[in-house]
Amino acid sequence: MPAKRPSIKKLHSLIKEALKLEEDITLSAFAKKREKIFSRTKALKHDDVWNSVLFTERKSIR
């Protein structure tokens, strides 16, 4: 008796899970590198960024 072939749904599920794991590994490596080089003194302030975004949006609406 031939071996049963996995269903397309099962393959889809396995591929999706593998992609999620690959993404997690990649993002984790990125975060670790970012953590090492991050400088609070050089970082942009929240208000400065959002004020800049809001000002740019208002300017482009006109």
N, C-alpha and C. Protein backbone atom coordinates (compact mmCIF):
# COMPACT_ATOMS: atom_id res chain seq x y z
N MET A 1 0.84 -1.18 0.00
CA MET A 1 0.00 0.00 0.00
C MET A 1 0.89 1.25 0.00
N PRO A 2 0.66 2.19 -0.93
CA PRO A 2 1.50 3.40 -1.00
C PRO A 2 1.30 4.29 0.23
N ALA A 3 2.35 5.04 0.53
CA ALA A 3 2.28 5.97 1.67
C ALA A 3 1.26 7.07 1.37
N LYS A 4 0.56 7.48 2.40
CA LYS A 4 -0.45 8.52 2.25
C LYS A 4 0.24 9.87 2.04
N ARG A 5 -0.21 10.62 1.05
CA ARG A 5 0.36 11.94 0.79
C ARG A 5 -0.29 12.98 1.70
N PRO A 6 0.51 13.88 2.24
CA PRO A 6 -0.08 14.92 3.11
C PRO A 6 -1.02 15.82 2.30
N SER A 7 -2.02 16.27 2.95
CA SER A 7 -2.99 17.13 2.28
C SER A 7 -2.39 18.52 2.04
N ILE A 8 -2.96 19.23 1.10
CA ILE A 8 -2.53 20.59 0.79
C ILE A 8 -2.70 21.48 2.02
N LYS A 9 -3.80 21.28 2.76
CA LYS A 9 -4.04 22.09 3.97
C LYS A 9 -2.93 21.87 4.99
N LYS A 10 -2.51 20.63 5.15
CA LYS A 10 -1.45 20.31 6.10
C LYS A 10 -0.14 20.95 5.66
N LEU A 11 0.17 20.84 4.37
CA LEU A 11 1.39 21.46 3.85
C LEU A 11 1.36 22.97 4.02
N HIS A 12 0.20 23.56 3.73
CA HIS A 12 0.03 25.00 3.89
C HIS A 12 0.28 25.40 5.33
N SER A 13 -0.27 24.65 6.25
CA SER A 13 -0.11 24.93 7.68
C SER A 13 1.36 24.82 8.10
N LEU A 14 2.05 23.79 7.62
CA LEU A 14 3.46 23.60 7.97
C LEU A 14 4.33 24.72 7.40
N ILE A 15 4.06 25.11 6.16
CA ILE A 15 4.84 26.18 5.54
C ILE A 15 4.60 27.51 6.27
N LYS A 16 3.33 27.75 6.60
CA LYS A 16 2.99 28.98 7.33
C LYS A 16 3.72 29.04 8.68
N GLU A 17 3.74 27.92 9.39
CA GLU A 17 4.43 27.85 10.68
C GLU A 17 5.93 28.06 10.51
N ALA A 18 6.50 27.45 9.47
CA ALA A 18 7.93 27.61 9.22
C ALA A 18 8.27 29.07 8.92
N LEU A 19 7.43 29.74 8.16
CA LEU A 19 7.65 31.16 7.85
C LEU A 19 7.56 32.02 9.11
N LYS A 20 6.62 31.70 9.98
CA LYS A 20 6.49 32.45 11.24
C LYS A 20 7.74 32.27 12.10
N LEU A 21 8.25 31.04 12.16
CA LEU A 21 9.45 30.78 12.94
C LEU A 21 10.66 31.51 12.34
N GLU A 22 10.77 31.48 11.03
CA GLU A 22 11.85 32.18 10.35
C GLU A 22 11.78 33.69 10.63
N GLU A 23 10.58 34.23 10.60
CA GLU A 23 10.38 35.65 10.89
C GLU A 23 10.79 35.96 12.34
N ASP A 24 10.38 35.10 13.28
CA ASP A 24 10.73 35.30 14.68
C ASP A 24 12.25 35.30 14.88
N ILE A 25 12.93 34.37 14.23
CA ILE A 25 14.39 34.28 14.35
C ILE A 25 15.04 35.55 13.79
N THR A 26 14.58 35.98 12.63
CA THR A 26 15.14 37.17 11.98
C THR A 26 14.90 38.42 12.82
N LEU A 27 13.67 38.59 13.31
CA LEU A 27 13.36 39.78 14.12
C LEU A 27 14.11 39.77 15.45
N SER A 28 14.30 38.59 16.01
CA SER A 28 15.04 38.47 17.26
C SER A 28 16.50 38.89 17.06
N ALA A 29 17.10 38.45 15.97
CA ALA A 29 18.48 38.83 15.67
C ALA A 29 18.58 40.34 15.45
N PHE A 30 17.61 40.89 14.73
CA PHE A 30 17.58 42.33 14.49
C PHE A 30 17.47 43.10 15.81
N ALA A 31 16.59 42.64 16.70
CA ALA A 31 16.38 43.30 17.99
C ALA A 31 17.64 43.25 18.85
N LYS A 32 18.32 42.11 18.85
CA LYS A 32 19.55 41.99 19.65
C LYS A 32 20.61 42.96 19.15
N LYS A 33 20.76 43.06 17.82
CA LYS A 33 21.74 43.98 17.25
C LYS A 33 21.34 45.42 17.59
N ARG A 34 20.06 45.74 17.46
CA ARG A 34 19.56 47.09 17.73
C ARG A 34 19.78 47.47 19.19
N GLU A 35 19.58 46.50 20.07
CA GLU A 35 19.77 46.72 21.50
C GLU A 35 21.21 47.14 21.81
N LYS A 36 22.16 46.52 21.11
CA LYS A 36 23.58 46.80 21.35
C LYS A 36 23.98 48.20 20.89
N ILE A 37 23.37 48.70 19.82
CA ILE A 37 23.80 49.98 19.26
C ILE A 37 22.87 51.15 19.62
N PHE A 38 21.78 50.85 20.31
CA PHE A 38 20.80 51.90 20.64
C PHE A 38 21.39 52.89 21.64
N SER A 39 21.16 54.16 21.38
CA SER A 39 21.62 55.22 22.28
C SER A 39 20.43 56.13 22.61
N ARG A 40 20.07 56.19 23.87
CA ARG A 40 18.95 57.05 24.26
C ARG A 40 19.23 58.52 23.97
N THR A 41 20.47 58.91 24.07
CA THR A 41 20.80 60.32 23.83
C THR A 41 20.66 60.71 22.36
N LYS A 42 20.84 59.74 21.46
CA LYS A 42 20.72 60.01 20.03
C LYS A 42 19.31 59.72 19.49
N ALA A 43 18.51 59.04 20.30
CA ALA A 43 17.17 58.65 19.86
C ALA A 43 16.26 59.87 19.71
N LEU A 44 15.36 59.78 18.76
CA LEU A 44 14.38 60.85 18.56
C LEU A 44 13.34 60.78 19.67
N LYS A 45 12.88 61.92 20.10
CA LYS A 45 11.84 61.98 21.14
C LYS A 45 10.46 61.74 20.51
N HIS A 46 9.60 61.12 21.25
CA HIS A 46 8.26 60.79 20.77
C HIS A 46 7.53 62.02 20.23
N ASP A 47 7.48 63.07 21.02
CA ASP A 47 6.76 64.29 20.60
C ASP A 47 7.36 64.92 19.35
N ASP A 48 8.68 64.90 19.26
CA ASP A 48 9.34 65.48 18.07
C ASP A 48 8.94 64.72 16.80
N VAL A 49 8.91 63.41 16.90
CA VAL A 49 8.54 62.59 15.74
C VAL A 49 7.10 62.85 15.35
N TRP A 50 6.20 62.77 16.31
CA TRP A 50 4.78 62.93 15.98
C TRP A 50 4.43 64.35 15.55
N ASN A 51 5.06 65.33 16.15
CA ASN A 51 4.83 66.71 15.70
C ASN A 51 5.31 66.89 14.27
N SER A 52 6.41 66.26 13.94
CA SER A 52 6.93 66.32 12.58
C SER A 52 5.97 65.64 11.60
N VAL A 53 5.45 64.49 11.98
CA VAL A 53 4.51 63.75 11.13
C VAL A 53 3.24 64.55 10.95
N LEU A 54 2.71 65.08 12.03
CA LEU A 54 1.47 65.83 11.95
C LEU A 54 1.64 67.10 11.12
N PHE A 55 2.77 67.78 11.31
CA PHE A 55 3.03 69.00 10.55
C PHE A 55 3.14 68.68 9.06
N THR A 56 3.82 67.59 8.73
CA THR A 56 3.97 67.17 7.33
C THR A 56 2.62 66.82 6.72
N GLU A 57 1.78 66.12 7.50
CA GLU A 57 0.45 65.74 6.97
C GLU A 57 -0.41 66.99 6.73
N ARG A 58 -0.39 67.94 7.67
CA ARG A 58 -1.18 69.16 7.51
C ARG A 58 -0.71 69.94 6.30
N LYS A 59 0.59 69.98 6.11
CA LYS A 59 1.18 70.71 5.00
C LYS A 59 0.78 70.07 3.65
N SER A 60 0.75 68.73 3.60
CA SER A 60 0.43 68.05 2.34
C SER A 60 -1.07 68.09 2.04
N ILE A 61 -1.91 68.33 3.03
CA ILE A 61 -3.36 68.40 2.83
C ILE A 61 -3.74 69.69 2.10
N ARG A 62 -3.02 70.74 2.37
CA ARG A 62 -3.33 72.05 1.78
C ARG A 62 -3.12 72.08 0.30
